[in-house]
Amino acid sequence: MPYEFARLVPRPAWGPPLQGWFCRGFLGVSLSLSLGPALFAQSKTTYQDHVFPLVENYCAKCHNPDKKKADLDLTTYAGAIKGSGSGAIVQSGSADSSKLYRVLTHQEEPEMPPNKPKLPDKELDVFKRWINDGLLESSGSKAIAAAKPAVDLTLKLSNDGKPSGPAAMPTGLSTQPLVKTERPGPVLSVASSPWAPALAITGQKQIFLYNAETLACLGVLPFTNGQPSLVKFSRSGSLVLAAGGQGGKSGRVALWDVATGKPMTVLGGEFDTVLAADISPDQSRVALGGPSRLLKIHSTATGELEHKIKKHTDWVTAIAFSPSGQYVASGDRNGNIHVWDPENGQEVFALSGHSTCIRGLSWRGDSKVLASCSEDGSIRTWETEGGKQVKTWPAHPGGALSLSYSHDGQIVSCGRNGKIQIWDGDGNKKKAMETENELPLSVTFSHDAKRVIASFFNGKTLAWTAKDGKLAGEMDANPLKSGVTPRLASADAR
């Protein structure tokens, strides 16, 4: 099965309508007639000279002082800066983080104009330049300073990454699913908190949080940026990361607080789905990649792009920060793996050995060994002293699709042969999970390595007891609207 099929899920028509953002009728007036030579006479884009003519042509009928749909008046500079009844719609210096630009470019729902194609690119570019240039009112105005982050995500960790206090667990979150589709799509990714019995799995435009011990649903997080392609926990276990988007259109990385489910930030402004991402152990950076063949590293504090690395020759399909934060590794569809210094974006090692697509990267807890798996069926381990290969073994004929280290150095993997297998650090088989030869896509250990959890192409997410490989239960990524209930394997457990 081609790589792309394992990343795609049906996109349901979903999203609560937000009434009154813009009028439904639009006049097709060209930018050149609206703006005249003023666009080319100034180096900065301003509200008066460039944005207001577009507002007057497209938006004023519904968003004026007399008829403020959604409590939004776009006909004055003050009204545009104030925003709607839901808050600000523009964020100085960051068009990609601004509600106005995101709905105009159809990156976020409700898409504007409603039920119509998006505005021409040259007109969208006017809004983008105005926001990025600092929301100038006129040619003589001063730019509005870029907003400071509401929350500083950076933190200090112990050597093993364990938080000093209690590990974060979701509490009081809504467990009502946001989307219910007729058929379950592939569950593309599953992740486990490093320090608590919390699991995260991808669903349809949502992320489900589960208890790894009881298999009870702990919460549902909305992913409003398209379809999530992967999910991960931060090294501290305090944040959950989801990445994805809309194929050929947009891609984003979203972060939530695990305990409260509060959205923390959205990063990236990709023009295709984000296929790989990870957050640094100190939570100061997010690395992401996808079909652009670029590795990008963003600051979580400002959202700014710190490094754009042009080294990969094909889609970036796997990314992982080392537990120490000293390295970030990335793999691509050609089988290449590179290890970088995230501080300066310089390459540390190039790891050659796999013959085709890299599907998974995972670091041993001491950051001295990196494990990789590939569509060539093999698992390989690499040491960071000199970037040399340590071990290689044929793990899954037909292709290895995912792998993950436990705290004690075991590796669990899955592949196209339908098998889920635990290995020791030297590649010796320890225990195989009882499966029905369905296609597994993602696999991980629970925080204490007592359970193995895997997601499947058929829409299932299963848990096993690692010691004996027996099935423990199932978690639902497409539950009924009435709620989510655990499906345990034994009658006694029920």
Protein backbone atom coordinates (compact mmCIF):
# COMPACT_ATOMS: atom_id res chain seq x y z
CA MET A 1 0.00 0.00 0.00
CA PRO A 2 1.50 3.40 -0.96
CA TYR A 3 2.65 5.63 1.85
CA GLU A 4 0.03 8.27 1.13
CA PHE A 5 -2.90 5.92 1.80
CA ALA A 6 -1.74 5.30 5.34
CA ARG A 7 -1.90 9.03 5.99
CA LEU A 8 -5.31 9.87 4.55
CA VAL A 9 -8.64 9.83 6.33
CA PRO A 10 -12.04 10.80 4.97
CA ARG A 11 -12.81 14.44 5.60
CA PRO A 12 -16.37 14.83 6.90
CA ALA A 13 -18.39 17.94 6.28
CA TRP A 14 -18.23 19.32 9.78
CA GLY A 15 -17.80 22.57 11.60
CA PRO A 16 -20.30 24.73 13.49
CA PRO A 17 -21.30 27.73 11.41
CA LEU A 18 -20.20 31.10 12.76
CA GLN A 19 -22.89 33.43 11.56
CA GLY A 20 -22.28 36.83 10.18
CA TRP A 21 -18.60 37.02 9.48
CA PHE A 22 -19.01 38.45 6.03
CA CYS A 23 -21.93 39.21 3.76
CA ARG A 24 -22.96 36.46 1.39
CA GLY A 25 -22.96 38.64 -1.70
CA PHE A 26 -19.67 39.75 -3.17
CA LEU A 27 -18.90 42.07 -6.06
CA GLY A 28 -16.13 40.97 -8.38
CA VAL A 29 -14.11 44.17 -8.35
CA SER A 30 -10.45 43.75 -9.26
CA LEU A 31 -7.62 44.80 -6.99
CA SER A 32 -6.21 47.12 -9.61
CA LEU A 33 -9.44 49.14 -9.85
CA SER A 34 -9.87 49.21 -6.08
CA LEU A 35 -6.41 50.27 -5.14
CA GLY A 36 -4.98 52.04 -8.15
CA PRO A 37 -1.31 52.99 -8.07
CA ALA A 38 -1.29 53.40 -4.27
CA LEU A 39 -0.31 49.76 -3.80
CA PHE A 40 2.96 50.32 -5.59
CA ALA A 41 3.70 53.79 -4.23
CA GLN A 42 4.31 52.65 -0.65
CA SER A 43 6.56 50.03 0.85
CA LYS A 44 4.13 49.26 3.68
CA THR A 45 0.56 48.04 3.39
CA THR A 46 -1.92 50.16 5.39
CA TYR A 47 -5.57 49.88 6.35
CA GLN A 48 -6.60 53.19 4.77
CA ASP A 49 -4.89 52.77 1.41
CA HIS A 50 -5.08 49.04 0.83
CA VAL A 51 -7.32 47.10 3.19
CA PHE A 52 -10.32 49.43 3.43
CA PRO A 53 -11.04 49.35 -0.34
CA LEU A 54 -11.30 45.55 -0.11
CA VAL A 55 -13.46 45.76 3.01
CA GLU A 56 -15.71 48.26 1.24
CA ASN A 57 -16.14 45.96 -1.75
CA TYR A 58 -16.50 42.65 0.07
CA CYS A 59 -17.44 43.10 3.69
CA ALA A 60 -19.08 46.44 4.48
CA LYS A 61 -22.63 45.34 3.80
CA CYS A 62 -22.64 42.98 6.76
CA HIS A 63 -19.90 44.38 8.95
CA ASN A 64 -20.61 48.07 9.40
CA PRO A 65 -21.63 50.25 12.40
CA ASP A 66 -25.33 49.78 11.64
CA LYS A 67 -25.25 46.05 10.95
CA LYS A 68 -22.44 44.41 12.90
CA LYS A 69 -22.87 40.73 12.25
CA ALA A 70 -20.92 38.72 14.81
CA ASP A 71 -20.44 42.10 16.53
CA LEU A 72 -17.78 42.91 13.92
CA ASP A 73 -17.31 46.28 12.21
CA LEU A 74 -14.63 46.14 9.53
CA THR A 75 -15.36 49.57 8.03
CA THR A 76 -13.18 51.39 10.56
CA TYR A 77 -9.63 50.74 11.63
CA ALA A 78 -10.66 50.73 15.29
CA GLY A 79 -13.38 48.18 14.59
CA ALA A 80 -11.04 45.86 12.72
CA ILE A 81 -8.48 46.00 15.53
CA LYS A 82 -11.17 45.48 18.19
CA GLY A 83 -12.46 42.34 16.46
CA SER A 84 -15.69 40.40 16.85
CA GLY A 85 -17.73 39.32 19.83
CA SER A 86 -15.41 36.30 20.07
CA GLY A 87 -12.26 38.43 20.37
CA ALA A 88 -9.48 39.79 18.21
CA ILE A 89 -9.36 38.66 14.59
CA VAL A 90 -5.89 39.98 13.72
CA GLN A 91 -2.58 39.41 15.51
CA SER A 92 0.13 41.90 14.62
CA GLY A 93 3.10 40.35 12.86
CA SER A 94 1.47 36.96 12.31
CA ALA A 95 -1.08 36.52 9.54
CA ASP A 96 -0.94 32.76 10.01
CA SER A 97 -2.17 33.16 13.60
CA SER A 98 -4.88 35.70 12.70
CA LYS A 99 -8.50 34.55 12.52
CA LEU A 100 -9.30 36.99 9.71
CA TYR A 101 -6.57 35.69 7.42
CA ARG A 102 -7.16 32.04 8.27
CA VAL A 103 -10.88 32.14 7.40
CA LEU A 104 -10.23 34.16 4.25
CA THR A 105 -7.68 31.60 3.05
CA HIS A 106 -9.99 28.69 4.00
CA GLN A 107 -7.45 27.31 6.47
CA GLU A 108 -10.00 27.42 9.26
CA GLU A 109 -13.74 27.16 9.57
CA PRO A 110 -15.99 28.99 8.94
CA GLU A 111 -14.48 29.50 5.50
CA MET A 112 -15.05 32.99 4.12
CA PRO A 113 -16.74 34.02 1.97
CA PRO A 114 -19.32 31.38 2.89
CA ASN A 115 -20.25 28.91 0.17
CA LYS A 116 -17.99 30.68 -2.31
CA PRO A 117 -14.41 30.32 -3.54
CA LYS A 118 -11.79 32.17 -1.54
CA LEU A 119 -10.61 35.60 -2.65
CA PRO A 120 -7.92 35.82 -5.35
CA ASP A 121 -4.38 35.34 -4.08
CA LYS A 122 -3.35 38.92 -4.85
CA GLU A 123 -6.17 40.24 -2.64
CA LEU A 124 -5.42 37.76 0.13
CA ASP A 125 -1.82 38.94 -0.04
CA VAL A 126 -2.98 42.48 0.83
CA PHE A 127 -4.49 41.23 4.09
CA LYS A 128 -1.39 39.14 4.79
CA ARG A 129 1.06 42.01 4.24
CA TRP A 130 -1.07 44.39 6.33
CA ILE A 131 -1.07 42.01 9.30
CA ASN A 132 2.59 41.03 8.97
CA ASP A 133 3.69 44.68 8.57
CA GLY A 134 2.20 45.57 11.94
CA LEU A 135 -1.44 46.58 11.24
CA LEU A 136 -0.63 50.12 10.08
CA GLU A 137 -3.58 52.50 9.93
CA SER A 138 -1.97 54.96 7.48
CA SER A 139 1.42 55.69 5.96
CA GLY A 140 2.32 57.88 8.93
CA SER A 141 1.28 55.40 11.62
CA LYS A 142 3.48 53.29 13.85
CA ALA A 143 3.24 49.51 13.70
CA ILE A 144 1.48 47.70 16.52
CA ALA A 145 3.94 45.61 18.48
CA ALA A 146 3.55 41.88 18.03
CA ALA A 147 1.59 40.30 20.86
CA LYS A 148 3.61 38.48 23.47
CA PRO A 149 2.68 34.85 24.12
CA ALA A 150 -0.02 34.43 26.74
CA VAL A 151 1.74 31.39 28.19
CA ASP A 152 5.43 30.60 28.41
CA LEU A 153 5.67 26.90 27.57
CA THR A 154 9.37 26.52 28.32
CA LEU A 155 10.40 24.61 31.43
CA LYS A 156 13.38 23.05 33.14
CA LEU A 157 13.54 19.28 33.40
CA SER A 158 15.50 16.81 35.45
CA ASN A 159 18.01 14.61 33.64
CA ASP A 160 15.39 11.93 32.98
CA GLY A 161 12.72 14.46 32.00
CA LYS A 162 10.42 13.54 34.87
CA PRO A 163 8.43 16.48 36.29
CA SER A 164 9.13 17.44 39.91
CA GLY A 165 5.47 17.26 40.92
CA PRO A 166 2.65 14.87 40.06
CA ALA A 167 2.50 13.81 36.42
CA ALA A 168 -0.23 15.54 34.41
CA MET A 169 -3.52 13.69 33.92
CA PRO A 170 -6.63 15.04 32.14
CA THR A 171 -9.34 16.06 34.63
CA GLY A 172 -12.79 17.47 34.04
CA LEU A 173 -12.60 17.44 30.24
CA SER A 174 -15.64 16.84 28.07
CA THR A 175 -15.78 13.30 26.73
CA GLN A 176 -18.44 14.03 24.13
CA PRO A 177 -17.10 13.35 20.62
CA LEU A 178 -17.14 16.35 18.31
CA VAL A 179 -17.46 14.35 15.10
CA LYS A 180 -19.17 11.05 14.31
CA THR A 181 -18.69 9.56 10.87
CA GLU A 182 -20.55 6.76 9.18
CA ARG A 183 -17.43 4.59 9.03
CA PRO A 184 -14.27 4.72 11.13
CA GLY A 185 -11.19 5.93 9.30
CA PRO A 186 -7.66 4.69 9.94
CA VAL A 187 -6.31 5.64 13.36
CA LEU A 188 -3.03 7.12 12.16
CA SER A 189 -1.28 7.69 15.46
CA VAL A 190 -1.28 6.74 19.13
CA ALA A 191 0.96 8.15 21.87
CA SER A 192 1.57 7.61 25.57
CA SER A 193 2.48 10.06 28.31
CA PRO A 194 6.01 9.31 29.58
CA TRP A 195 5.02 9.54 33.25
CA ALA A 196 1.26 8.98 33.64
CA PRO A 197 -1.34 6.45 32.43
CA ALA A 198 -2.58 8.84 29.74
CA LEU A 199 -2.94 7.95 26.06
CA ALA A 200 -3.77 10.06 23.02
CA ILE A 201 -5.15 8.76 19.72
CA THR A 202 -6.11 10.55 16.51
CA GLY A 203 -9.73 10.68 15.42
CA GLN A 204 -11.79 12.58 12.87
CA LYS A 205 -10.82 16.25 13.45
CA GLN A 206 -10.29 15.44 17.11
CA ILE A 207 -7.88 13.86 19.58
CA PHE A 208 -9.11 11.37 22.19
CA LEU A 209 -7.44 11.06 25.59
CA TYR A 210 -7.73 7.70 27.37
CA ASN A 211 -6.60 6.11 30.62
CA ALA A 212 -4.03 3.42 29.81
CA GLU A 213 -5.06 1.31 32.81
CA THR A 214 -8.87 1.51 32.79
CA LEU A 215 -9.22 2.33 29.05
CA ALA A 216 -11.80 4.97 30.03
CA CYS A 217 -12.06 8.10 27.93
CA LEU A 218 -10.61 11.14 29.72
CA GLY A 219 -11.37 13.86 27.20
CA VAL A 220 -11.79 14.98 23.60
CA LEU A 221 -9.69 17.78 22.07
CA PRO A 222 -10.83 19.54 18.86
CA PHE A 223 -8.33 19.66 16.00
CA THR A 224 -9.71 22.50 13.88
CA ASN A 225 -6.86 22.54 11.38
CA GLY A 226 -8.03 19.64 9.19
CA GLN A 227 -7.28 16.01 9.91
CA PRO A 228 -4.64 15.04 12.49
CA SER A 229 -1.93 12.77 11.10
CA LEU A 230 0.03 12.28 14.33
CA VAL A 231 -0.12 12.85 18.06
CA LYS A 232 2.63 13.00 20.72
CA PHE A 233 3.18 13.97 24.34
CA SER A 234 5.89 16.37 25.46
CA ARG A 235 8.84 14.93 27.37
CA SER A 236 7.37 16.23 30.64
CA GLY A 237 3.95 14.80 29.81
CA SER A 238 2.34 18.20 30.43
CA LEU A 239 1.52 18.94 26.78
CA VAL A 240 -0.04 16.96 23.98
CA LEU A 241 0.89 17.78 20.38
CA ALA A 242 -1.13 17.03 17.26
CA ALA A 243 -0.09 17.73 13.67
CA GLY A 244 -1.95 17.45 10.39
CA GLY A 245 -3.96 19.62 8.05
CA GLN A 246 -5.60 19.43 4.65
CA GLY A 247 -3.71 17.67 1.88
CA GLY A 248 -2.32 20.08 -0.71
CA LYS A 249 -3.78 23.02 1.17
CA SER A 250 -2.62 23.66 4.73
CA GLY A 251 -0.78 22.16 7.69
CA ARG A 252 -0.46 23.06 11.37
CA VAL A 253 0.80 21.82 14.73
CA ALA A 254 -1.45 22.35 17.77
CA LEU A 255 -0.54 22.09 21.46
CA TRP A 256 -2.84 21.59 24.47
CA ASP A 257 -2.34 21.48 28.21
CA VAL A 258 -2.87 17.83 29.19
CA ALA A 259 -4.44 18.48 32.59
CA THR A 260 -6.98 21.11 31.51
CA GLY A 261 -7.36 20.50 27.78
CA LYS A 262 -6.69 24.22 27.23
CA PRO A 263 -5.33 25.09 23.76
CA MET A 264 -1.84 26.56 24.14
CA THR A 265 -0.70 27.52 20.65
CA VAL A 266 -0.88 26.69 16.94
CA LEU A 267 2.34 26.74 14.93
CA GLY A 268 3.34 26.50 11.30
CA GLY A 269 1.86 27.88 8.12
CA GLU A 270 2.33 24.97 5.76
CA PHE A 271 0.67 24.57 2.39
CA ASP A 272 0.29 20.82 2.81
CA THR A 273 -0.37 18.40 5.65
CA VAL A 274 2.24 18.19 8.40
CA LEU A 275 3.33 14.55 8.44
CA ALA A 276 5.98 14.66 11.17
CA ALA A 277 6.53 16.82 14.24
CA ASP A 278 7.92 16.82 17.77
CA ILE A 279 8.41 19.25 20.66
CA SER A 280 11.74 19.76 22.39
CA PRO A 281 12.09 18.50 25.98
CA ASP A 282 12.18 22.04 27.37
CA GLN A 283 9.12 22.87 25.24
CA SER A 284 10.83 25.88 23.65
CA ARG A 285 10.76 24.55 20.08
CA VAL A 286 8.62 22.52 17.71
CA ALA A 287 10.14 20.81 14.68
CA LEU A 288 7.87 19.86 11.78
CA GLY A 289 8.04 18.55 8.25
CA GLY A 290 6.05 17.06 5.39
CA PRO A 291 5.75 17.09 1.59
CA SER A 292 7.72 20.37 1.33
CA ARG A 293 10.90 18.32 2.02
CA LEU A 294 11.91 20.96 4.56
CA LEU A 295 12.65 20.55 8.25
CA LYS A 296 11.33 23.63 10.04
CA ILE A 297 11.98 24.56 13.66
CA HIS A 298 9.64 27.09 15.30
CA SER A 299 9.85 28.90 18.63
CA THR A 300 6.88 28.10 20.86
CA ALA A 301 7.24 31.50 22.56
CA THR A 302 6.83 33.62 19.43
CA GLY A 303 5.78 31.16 16.74
CA GLU A 304 8.65 32.46 14.62
CA LEU A 305 10.53 30.18 12.25
CA GLU A 306 14.04 29.75 13.68
CA HIS A 307 15.46 27.33 11.12
CA LYS A 308 14.37 26.17 7.66
CA ILE A 309 16.61 23.28 6.65
CA LYS A 310 16.84 22.23 3.00
CA LYS A 311 18.57 18.87 3.12
CA HIS A 312 15.95 16.18 2.58
CA THR A 313 15.36 14.97 -0.96
CA ASP A 314 11.81 13.73 -0.38
CA TRP A 315 8.92 14.13 2.07
CA VAL A 316 9.92 14.42 5.71
CA THR A 317 8.12 11.50 7.36
CA ALA A 318 9.57 11.23 10.89
CA ILE A 319 10.96 13.68 13.48
CA ALA A 320 12.14 13.12 17.06
CA PHE A 321 13.96 15.27 19.62
CA SER A 322 16.45 13.46 21.85
CA PRO A 323 15.45 13.33 25.55
CA SER A 324 18.43 15.58 26.34
CA GLY A 325 17.30 18.18 23.81
CA GLN A 326 20.78 18.18 22.30
CA TYR A 327 19.65 16.64 19.01
CA VAL A 328 16.67 16.46 16.69
CA ALA A 329 16.52 13.64 14.13
CA SER A 330 14.52 13.67 10.90
CA GLY A 331 13.86 10.97 8.30
CA ASP A 332 12.45 11.11 4.80
CA ARG A 333 10.74 9.02 2.17
CA ASN A 334 14.04 8.19 0.45
CA GLY A 335 15.35 6.43 3.57
CA ASN A 336 17.68 9.23 4.66
CA ILE A 337 18.11 10.17 8.33
CA HIS A 338 19.80 13.35 9.52
CA VAL A 339 20.63 14.43 13.07
CA TRP A 340 20.70 18.17 13.75
CA ASP A 341 21.66 20.64 16.43
CA PRO A 342 18.35 22.45 17.10
CA GLU A 343 20.15 25.52 18.46
CA ASN A 344 21.86 26.45 15.20
CA GLY A 345 20.24 24.17 12.64
CA GLN A 346 23.58 22.57 11.72
CA GLU A 347 23.86 18.91 10.73
CA VAL A 348 25.61 16.64 13.24
CA PHE A 349 25.28 13.26 11.48
CA ALA A 350 23.90 11.79 8.27
CA LEU A 351 22.78 8.19 8.89
CA SER A 352 22.70 5.95 5.82
CA GLY A 353 21.47 2.36 5.73
CA HIS A 354 17.74 2.22 5.09
CA SER A 355 16.77 1.79 1.45
CA THR A 356 13.35 3.45 1.50
CA CYS A 357 10.84 5.47 3.53
CA ILE A 358 11.62 6.12 7.21
CA ARG A 359 8.44 5.46 9.20
CA GLY A 360 9.56 5.90 12.79
CA LEU A 361 12.29 7.41 14.97
CA SER A 362 12.64 6.91 18.73
CA TRP A 363 15.44 7.80 21.16
CA ARG A 364 16.62 5.68 24.05
CA GLY A 365 16.13 7.44 27.37
CA ASP A 366 19.82 8.36 27.76
CA SER A 367 19.92 10.01 24.28
CA LYS A 368 22.90 7.82 23.34
CA VAL A 369 21.01 5.60 20.89
CA LEU A 370 18.49 6.40 18.15
CA ALA A 371 16.24 3.66 16.73
CA SER A 372 14.70 3.86 13.27
CA CYS A 373 12.31 1.74 11.24
CA SER A 374 11.62 1.74 7.53
CA GLU A 375 9.43 0.41 4.76
CA ASP A 376 12.40 -1.81 3.93
CA GLY A 377 11.25 -3.93 6.91
CA SER A 378 14.27 -3.34 9.13
CA ILE A 379 14.91 -1.71 12.48
CA ARG A 380 18.30 -0.09 12.97
CA THR A 381 19.94 1.51 16.01
CA TRP A 382 22.55 4.28 15.83
CA GLU A 383 24.89 5.64 18.51
CA THR A 384 25.45 9.38 18.91
CA GLU A 385 29.12 9.20 19.82
CA GLY A 386 30.12 8.98 16.17
CA GLY A 387 26.89 8.46 14.28
CA LYS A 388 27.63 4.80 13.59
CA GLN A 389 25.13 1.97 13.20
CA VAL A 390 24.95 -0.33 16.23
CA LYS A 391 22.44 -3.03 15.25
CA THR A 392 20.12 -3.92 12.39
CA TRP A 393 17.55 -6.67 12.14
CA PRO A 394 14.68 -7.70 9.80
CA ALA A 395 11.70 -6.83 11.96
CA HIS A 396 8.64 -6.79 9.67
CA PRO A 397 8.65 -8.25 6.15
CA GLY A 398 6.90 -5.86 3.79
CA GLY A 399 7.61 -2.80 5.90
CA ALA A 400 8.09 -1.62 9.49
CA LEU A 401 5.64 1.18 10.24
CA SER A 402 6.23 2.36 13.81
CA LEU A 403 8.46 1.85 16.83
CA SER A 404 8.92 3.21 20.33
CA TYR A 405 11.40 2.86 23.20
CA SER A 406 10.35 2.15 26.78
CA HIS A 407 12.14 3.71 29.76
CA ASP A 408 14.05 0.47 30.34
CA GLY A 409 15.39 0.24 26.78
CA GLN A 410 12.91 -2.20 25.21
CA ILE A 411 11.55 -1.49 21.73
CA VAL A 412 8.03 -2.21 20.50
CA SER A 413 7.32 -2.15 16.77
CA CYS A 414 4.62 -2.95 14.23
CA GLY A 415 4.58 -3.59 10.50
CA ARG A 416 2.81 -4.57 7.33
CA ASN A 417 3.00 -8.25 8.26
CA GLY A 418 0.33 -7.48 10.87
CA LYS A 419 2.66 -8.25 13.79
CA ILE A 420 3.31 -6.24 16.95
CA GLN A 421 6.55 -7.29 18.60
CA ILE A 422 8.62 -6.36 21.67
CA TRP A 423 12.43 -6.52 21.26
CA ASP A 424 15.35 -6.02 23.59
CA GLY A 425 17.94 -3.40 22.71
CA ASP A 426 19.96 -5.88 20.65
CA GLY A 427 17.03 -6.89 18.45
CA ASN A 428 16.18 -10.16 20.16
CA LYS A 429 12.49 -11.10 20.24
CA LYS A 430 10.82 -10.92 23.65
CA LYS A 431 7.05 -11.05 23.23
CA ALA A 432 4.54 -10.83 20.37
CA MET A 433 1.07 -9.42 20.88
CA GLU A 434 -1.99 -11.53 20.00
CA THR A 435 -3.37 -9.96 16.81
CA GLU A 436 -5.67 -10.85 13.93
CA ASN A 437 -3.19 -9.75 11.26
CA GLU A 438 -4.91 -6.42 10.67
CA LEU A 439 -2.66 -3.58 9.49
CA PRO A 440 -1.21 -1.69 12.49
CA LEU A 441 -0.12 1.90 11.85
CA SER A 442 1.26 3.13 15.17
CA VAL A 443 2.44 1.51 18.41
CA THR A 444 3.72 2.59 21.84
CA PHE A 445 4.33 1.39 25.39
CA SER A 446 2.31 2.73 28.30
CA HIS A 447 4.26 4.93 30.71
CA ASP A 448 5.28 1.94 32.87
CA ALA A 449 5.74 -0.47 29.92
CA LYS A 450 3.11 -2.79 31.38
CA ARG A 451 0.89 -2.36 28.34
CA VAL A 452 1.34 -2.07 24.59
CA ILE A 453 -1.10 0.08 22.63
CA ALA A 454 -1.47 0.07 18.85
CA SER A 455 -3.76 1.73 16.31
CA PHE A 456 -4.95 0.11 13.09
CA PHE A 457 -5.96 0.93 9.55
CA ASN A 458 -9.41 -0.59 10.20
CA GLY A 459 -10.16 2.12 12.81
CA LYS A 460 -9.39 0.11 15.95
CA THR A 461 -7.06 0.98 18.82
CA LEU A 462 -6.15 -1.99 21.03
CA ALA A 463 -4.25 -2.52 24.27
CA TRP A 464 -2.38 -5.65 25.40
CA THR A 465 -0.64 -6.77 28.56
CA ALA A 466 3.05 -6.55 27.66
CA LYS A 467 4.07 -9.46 29.91
CA ASP A 468 1.93 -12.13 28.20
CA GLY A 469 0.76 -10.43 24.99
CA LYS A 470 -2.90 -10.93 25.91
CA LEU A 471 -5.51 -8.47 24.65
CA ALA A 472 -6.70 -6.11 27.40
CA GLY A 473 -9.29 -4.04 25.57
CA GLU A 474 -10.18 -1.54 22.87
CA MET A 475 -10.49 2.25 22.65
CA ASP A 476 -12.86 3.92 20.22
CA ALA A 477 -11.73 6.70 17.88
CA ASN A 478 -15.17 7.04 16.28
CA PRO A 479 -17.62 6.70 19.18
CA LEU A 480 -21.32 7.35 19.24
CA LYS A 481 -22.41 10.91 19.95
CA SER A 482 -23.90 9.71 23.23
CA GLY A 483 -20.43 9.21 24.68
CA VAL A 484 -17.41 6.98 24.98
CA THR A 485 -17.26 3.78 27.01
CA PRO A 486 -14.30 1.41 27.42
CA ARG A 487 -14.40 -1.96 25.68
CA LEU A 488 -12.56 -4.39 27.94
CA ALA A 489 -11.42 -7.80 26.82
CA SER A 490 -12.62 -9.90 29.74
CA ALA A 491 -16.03 -10.44 31.30
CA ASP A 492 -14.53 -9.89 34.75
CA ALA A 493 -13.23 -6.49 33.71
CA ARG A 494 -16.66 -5.51 32.40
